[in-house]
Amino acid sequence: MTGTADTPSPTASPSLPSVSGLDAGAKDRVFLSTVRDELKLAATADGDAAIIASAHAICRGFDSGLIWLQVVKATMSGFHGTLDARQVGFLVGTSVLVYCPQHSSALPPG
């Protein structure tokens, strides 16, 4: 199933390096670099902290049993419409791959 406005597909960057075995700071750097590049976000200390906090909130959503669409909707709401569905799909997919790969099976194909 490919993404639509209601169900965006996760699109992880093919250049996303393996984060297995990296410490938290290194994971943050990989995550921020990947997300900033794809979403064209400027690097700021406050912005970086907010993006990382969003990634951890995404993982907590999956930890609590939410499904893909619920996590996407909550993430879109949290960004107050500043990210479109494709961007949110990328953010959620990349968050899972970097911070909570145990939830990779919750991501839709595509």
N, C-alpha and C. Protein backbone atom coordinates (compact mmCIF):
# COMPACT_ATOMS: atom_id res chain seq x y z
N MET A 1 0.86 -1.18 0.00
CA MET A 1 0.00 0.00 0.00
C MET A 1 0.89 1.23 0.00
N THR A 2 0.64 2.12 -0.90
CA THR A 2 1.40 3.36 -0.92
C THR A 2 0.67 4.39 -0.08
N GLY A 3 1.36 5.45 0.27
CA GLY A 3 0.78 6.46 1.13
C GLY A 3 -0.20 7.36 0.42
N THR A 4 -1.13 7.87 1.17
CA THR A 4 -2.06 8.90 0.72
C THR A 4 -2.01 10.00 1.75
N ALA A 5 -2.81 11.02 1.54
CA ALA A 5 -2.84 12.11 2.51
C ALA A 5 -3.24 11.60 3.89
N ASP A 6 -4.10 10.54 3.92
CA ASP A 6 -4.54 10.00 5.20
C ASP A 6 -3.60 8.95 5.76
N THR A 7 -2.89 8.24 4.90
CA THR A 7 -2.00 7.18 5.37
C THR A 7 -0.67 7.27 4.65
N PRO A 8 0.17 8.23 5.04
CA PRO A 8 1.46 8.37 4.38
C PRO A 8 2.34 7.17 4.61
N SER A 9 3.12 6.85 3.61
CA SER A 9 4.09 5.76 3.75
C SER A 9 5.36 6.28 4.38
N PRO A 10 5.99 5.45 5.19
CA PRO A 10 7.29 5.85 5.72
C PRO A 10 8.31 5.78 4.58
N THR A 11 9.11 6.78 4.47
CA THR A 11 10.14 6.78 3.44
C THR A 11 11.46 7.08 4.11
N ALA A 12 12.17 6.06 4.47
CA ALA A 12 13.46 6.25 5.13
C ALA A 12 14.51 6.49 4.07
N SER A 13 15.42 7.35 4.39
CA SER A 13 16.49 7.69 3.47
C SER A 13 17.36 6.47 3.20
N PRO A 14 17.63 6.19 1.91
CA PRO A 14 18.52 5.07 1.62
C PRO A 14 19.93 5.31 2.15
N SER A 15 20.26 6.53 2.46
CA SER A 15 21.60 6.82 2.98
C SER A 15 21.65 6.76 4.51
N LEU A 16 20.57 6.32 5.15
CA LEU A 16 20.54 6.21 6.60
C LEU A 16 21.49 5.09 7.02
N PRO A 17 22.58 5.43 7.69
CA PRO A 17 23.53 4.39 8.11
C PRO A 17 22.95 3.57 9.26
N SER A 18 23.50 2.42 9.47
CA SER A 18 23.09 1.59 10.59
C SER A 18 23.39 2.32 11.89
N VAL A 19 22.44 2.30 12.79
CA VAL A 19 22.65 2.94 14.09
C VAL A 19 22.82 1.90 15.20
N SER A 20 22.79 0.65 14.82
CA SER A 20 22.97 -0.43 15.78
C SER A 20 24.32 -0.27 16.47
N GLY A 21 24.29 -0.26 17.79
CA GLY A 21 25.52 -0.15 18.56
C GLY A 21 26.01 1.26 18.82
N LEU A 22 25.36 2.26 18.23
CA LEU A 22 25.77 3.65 18.47
C LEU A 22 25.24 4.13 19.81
N ASP A 23 25.96 5.05 20.44
CA ASP A 23 25.46 5.63 21.68
C ASP A 23 24.37 6.66 21.35
N ALA A 24 23.70 7.14 22.37
CA ALA A 24 22.56 8.04 22.19
C ALA A 24 22.94 9.31 21.41
N GLY A 25 24.09 9.89 21.72
CA GLY A 25 24.51 11.11 21.03
C GLY A 25 24.75 10.87 19.55
N ALA A 26 25.36 9.75 19.22
CA ALA A 26 25.61 9.43 17.82
C ALA A 26 24.31 9.16 17.08
N LYS A 27 23.37 8.47 17.74
CA LYS A 27 22.04 8.25 17.13
C LYS A 27 21.36 9.58 16.86
N ASP A 28 21.43 10.49 17.82
CA ASP A 28 20.82 11.81 17.64
C ASP A 28 21.42 12.52 16.43
N ARG A 29 22.74 12.46 16.28
CA ARG A 29 23.40 13.13 15.15
C ARG A 29 22.97 12.53 13.82
N VAL A 30 22.90 11.21 13.74
CA VAL A 30 22.45 10.55 12.50
C VAL A 30 21.01 10.93 12.21
N PHE A 31 20.17 10.86 13.24
CA PHE A 31 18.75 11.18 13.07
C PHE A 31 18.56 12.62 12.60
N LEU A 32 19.19 13.56 13.30
CA LEU A 32 19.03 14.97 12.95
C LEU A 32 19.53 15.27 11.54
N SER A 33 20.66 14.74 11.19
CA SER A 33 21.21 14.97 9.86
C SER A 33 20.25 14.44 8.79
N THR A 34 19.74 13.25 8.99
CA THR A 34 18.83 12.63 8.02
C THR A 34 17.53 13.42 7.90
N VAL A 35 16.95 13.76 9.04
CA VAL A 35 15.67 14.47 9.04
C VAL A 35 15.83 15.89 8.49
N ARG A 36 16.88 16.58 8.92
CA ARG A 36 17.11 17.94 8.42
C ARG A 36 17.28 17.94 6.91
N ASP A 37 18.06 17.01 6.40
CA ASP A 37 18.30 16.95 4.95
C ASP A 37 17.01 16.72 4.18
N GLU A 38 16.22 15.77 4.62
CA GLU A 38 14.98 15.41 3.91
C GLU A 38 13.91 16.47 4.05
N LEU A 39 13.75 17.00 5.25
CA LEU A 39 12.65 17.94 5.51
C LEU A 39 13.06 19.40 5.33
N LYS A 40 14.32 19.61 4.98
CA LYS A 40 14.84 20.97 4.75
C LYS A 40 14.65 21.85 5.97
N LEU A 41 15.02 21.31 7.12
CA LEU A 41 14.89 22.05 8.38
C LEU A 41 16.23 22.67 8.75
N ALA A 42 16.18 23.87 9.25
CA ALA A 42 17.39 24.54 9.71
C ALA A 42 17.81 23.94 11.05
N ALA A 43 19.10 23.93 11.28
CA ALA A 43 19.62 23.41 12.54
C ALA A 43 19.60 24.51 13.60
N THR A 44 18.86 24.28 14.66
CA THR A 44 18.87 25.17 15.81
C THR A 44 18.82 24.29 17.06
N ALA A 45 19.39 24.75 18.14
CA ALA A 45 19.40 23.94 19.37
C ALA A 45 17.98 23.62 19.82
N ASP A 46 17.10 24.63 19.84
CA ASP A 46 15.71 24.40 20.25
C ASP A 46 15.00 23.48 19.27
N GLY A 47 15.22 23.71 17.99
CA GLY A 47 14.58 22.88 16.97
C GLY A 47 15.05 21.44 17.03
N ASP A 48 16.35 21.26 17.23
CA ASP A 48 16.90 19.91 17.32
C ASP A 48 16.31 19.17 18.52
N ALA A 49 16.23 19.84 19.65
CA ALA A 49 15.67 19.21 20.85
C ALA A 49 14.21 18.84 20.62
N ALA A 50 13.47 19.69 19.94
CA ALA A 50 12.05 19.43 19.67
C ALA A 50 11.88 18.24 18.72
N ILE A 51 12.74 18.15 17.71
CA ILE A 51 12.65 17.05 16.76
C ILE A 51 12.99 15.73 17.44
N ILE A 52 14.03 15.73 18.26
CA ILE A 52 14.39 14.52 18.99
C ILE A 52 13.28 14.14 19.97
N ALA A 53 12.71 15.12 20.64
CA ALA A 53 11.60 14.84 21.56
C ALA A 53 10.42 14.24 20.80
N SER A 54 10.16 14.74 19.60
CA SER A 54 9.08 14.19 18.77
C SER A 54 9.36 12.73 18.42
N ALA A 55 10.61 12.43 18.09
CA ALA A 55 10.98 11.06 17.75
C ALA A 55 10.73 10.12 18.94
N HIS A 56 11.09 10.58 20.12
CA HIS A 56 10.87 9.74 21.30
C HIS A 56 9.38 9.62 21.61
N ALA A 57 8.61 10.66 21.35
CA ALA A 57 7.15 10.59 21.53
C ALA A 57 6.54 9.60 20.54
N ILE A 58 7.08 9.58 19.32
CA ILE A 58 6.62 8.61 18.32
C ILE A 58 6.85 7.19 18.84
N CYS A 59 8.02 6.94 19.37
CA CYS A 59 8.33 5.61 19.91
C CYS A 59 7.43 5.27 21.10
N ARG A 60 7.19 6.26 21.97
CA ARG A 60 6.29 6.01 23.12
C ARG A 60 4.88 5.68 22.64
N GLY A 61 4.46 6.32 21.55
CA GLY A 61 3.14 6.00 20.99
C GLY A 61 3.05 4.55 20.57
N PHE A 62 4.07 4.08 19.86
CA PHE A 62 4.09 2.66 19.48
C PHE A 62 4.23 1.77 20.71
N ASP A 63 5.04 2.18 21.68
CA ASP A 63 5.20 1.40 22.92
C ASP A 63 3.86 1.21 23.62
N SER A 64 3.01 2.24 23.55
CA SER A 64 1.72 2.17 24.25
C SER A 64 0.65 1.43 23.46
N GLY A 65 1.00 0.95 22.26
CA GLY A 65 0.05 0.16 21.49
C GLY A 65 -0.66 0.90 20.37
N LEU A 66 -0.30 2.16 20.15
CA LEU A 66 -0.92 2.88 19.04
C LEU A 66 -0.50 2.24 17.71
N ILE A 67 -1.36 2.36 16.73
CA ILE A 67 -1.04 1.87 15.39
C ILE A 67 -0.52 3.02 14.54
N TRP A 68 0.04 2.69 13.38
CA TRP A 68 0.66 3.64 12.46
C TRP A 68 -0.18 4.91 12.28
N LEU A 69 -1.42 4.75 11.89
CA LEU A 69 -2.25 5.92 11.59
C LEU A 69 -2.45 6.80 12.81
N GLN A 70 -2.60 6.22 13.98
CA GLN A 70 -2.76 7.01 15.20
C GLN A 70 -1.49 7.80 15.50
N VAL A 71 -0.34 7.18 15.32
CA VAL A 71 0.93 7.87 15.56
C VAL A 71 1.12 9.00 14.56
N VAL A 72 0.80 8.74 13.30
CA VAL A 72 0.92 9.78 12.26
C VAL A 72 0.01 10.96 12.58
N LYS A 73 -1.22 10.69 12.93
CA LYS A 73 -2.16 11.78 13.24
C LYS A 73 -1.69 12.59 14.45
N ALA A 74 -1.21 11.91 15.48
CA ALA A 74 -0.71 12.62 16.66
C ALA A 74 0.51 13.46 16.30
N THR A 75 1.37 12.94 15.45
CA THR A 75 2.57 13.67 15.05
C THR A 75 2.19 14.88 14.21
N MET A 76 1.27 14.70 13.28
CA MET A 76 0.82 15.84 12.46
C MET A 76 0.22 16.93 13.33
N SER A 77 -0.58 16.51 14.30
CA SER A 77 -1.19 17.47 15.22
C SER A 77 -0.13 18.22 16.02
N GLY A 78 0.90 17.51 16.45
CA GLY A 78 1.96 18.12 17.23
C GLY A 78 2.76 19.16 16.46
N PHE A 79 2.80 19.01 15.13
CA PHE A 79 3.53 19.98 14.30
C PHE A 79 2.60 21.06 13.75
N HIS A 80 1.35 21.06 14.17
CA HIS A 80 0.39 22.12 13.84
C HIS A 80 0.35 22.45 12.34
N GLY A 81 0.40 21.42 11.52
CA GLY A 81 0.27 21.62 10.08
C GLY A 81 1.52 22.13 9.38
N THR A 82 2.65 22.19 10.09
CA THR A 82 3.86 22.69 9.44
C THR A 82 4.55 21.62 8.61
N LEU A 83 4.17 20.34 8.80
CA LEU A 83 4.69 19.25 7.98
C LEU A 83 3.54 18.61 7.23
N ASP A 84 3.78 18.26 5.96
CA ASP A 84 2.73 17.57 5.20
C ASP A 84 2.77 16.07 5.50
N ALA A 85 1.84 15.33 4.94
CA ALA A 85 1.72 13.91 5.24
C ALA A 85 2.98 13.14 4.85
N ARG A 86 3.60 13.46 3.73
CA ARG A 86 4.82 12.77 3.31
C ARG A 86 5.95 13.03 4.31
N GLN A 87 6.06 14.28 4.75
CA GLN A 87 7.11 14.63 5.70
C GLN A 87 6.90 13.92 7.04
N VAL A 88 5.65 13.85 7.48
CA VAL A 88 5.36 13.16 8.73
C VAL A 88 5.66 11.67 8.58
N GLY A 89 5.31 11.09 7.45
CA GLY A 89 5.63 9.69 7.20
C GLY A 89 7.13 9.44 7.28
N PHE A 90 7.91 10.36 6.70
CA PHE A 90 9.37 10.25 6.76
C PHE A 90 9.85 10.36 8.21
N LEU A 91 9.33 11.34 8.94
CA LEU A 91 9.74 11.54 10.33
C LEU A 91 9.42 10.32 11.18
N VAL A 92 8.21 9.79 11.04
CA VAL A 92 7.81 8.63 11.84
C VAL A 92 8.67 7.42 11.46
N GLY A 93 8.83 7.17 10.16
CA GLY A 93 9.64 6.03 9.72
C GLY A 93 11.08 6.13 10.18
N THR A 94 11.67 7.30 10.06
CA THR A 94 13.06 7.48 10.47
C THR A 94 13.19 7.38 11.99
N SER A 95 12.23 7.91 12.71
CA SER A 95 12.24 7.79 14.18
C SER A 95 12.25 6.34 14.61
N VAL A 96 11.41 5.54 13.98
CA VAL A 96 11.34 4.12 14.32
C VAL A 96 12.66 3.43 13.99
N LEU A 97 13.20 3.69 12.81
CA LEU A 97 14.44 3.02 12.40
C LEU A 97 15.62 3.38 13.30
N VAL A 98 15.64 4.62 13.79
CA VAL A 98 16.77 5.05 14.62
C VAL A 98 16.56 4.73 16.10
N TYR A 99 15.39 5.07 16.64
CA TYR A 99 15.20 5.01 18.08
C TYR A 99 14.42 3.80 18.60
N CYS A 100 13.58 3.21 17.77
CA CYS A 100 12.79 2.07 18.27
C CYS A 100 12.55 1.05 17.16
N PRO A 101 13.63 0.46 16.66
CA PRO A 101 13.51 -0.49 15.56
C PRO A 101 12.65 -1.71 15.90
N GLN A 102 12.42 -1.94 17.17
CA GLN A 102 11.54 -3.05 17.56
C GLN A 102 10.12 -2.84 17.03
N HIS A 103 9.80 -1.61 16.61
CA HIS A 103 8.47 -1.32 16.07
C HIS A 103 8.45 -1.25 14.55
N SER A 104 9.52 -1.68 13.91
CA SER A 104 9.57 -1.63 12.44
C SER A 104 8.41 -2.36 11.79
N SER A 105 7.94 -3.41 12.42
CA SER A 105 6.81 -4.16 11.84
C SER A 105 5.51 -3.36 11.86
N ALA A 106 5.45 -2.29 12.64
CA ALA A 106 4.26 -1.44 12.69
C ALA A 106 4.19 -0.48 11.50
N LEU A 107 5.32 -0.34 10.78
CA LEU A 107 5.34 0.56 9.63
C LEU A 107 4.70 -0.13 8.44
N PRO A 108 3.87 0.61 7.70
CA PRO A 108 3.28 0.01 6.50
C PRO A 108 4.34 -0.17 5.42
N PRO A 109 4.12 -1.10 4.51
CA PRO A 109 5.07 -1.25 3.41
C PRO A 109 5.05 -0.02 2.52
N GLY A 110 6.15 0.25 1.91
CA GLY A 110 6.16 1.34 0.95
C GLY A 110 7.11 2.37 1.27
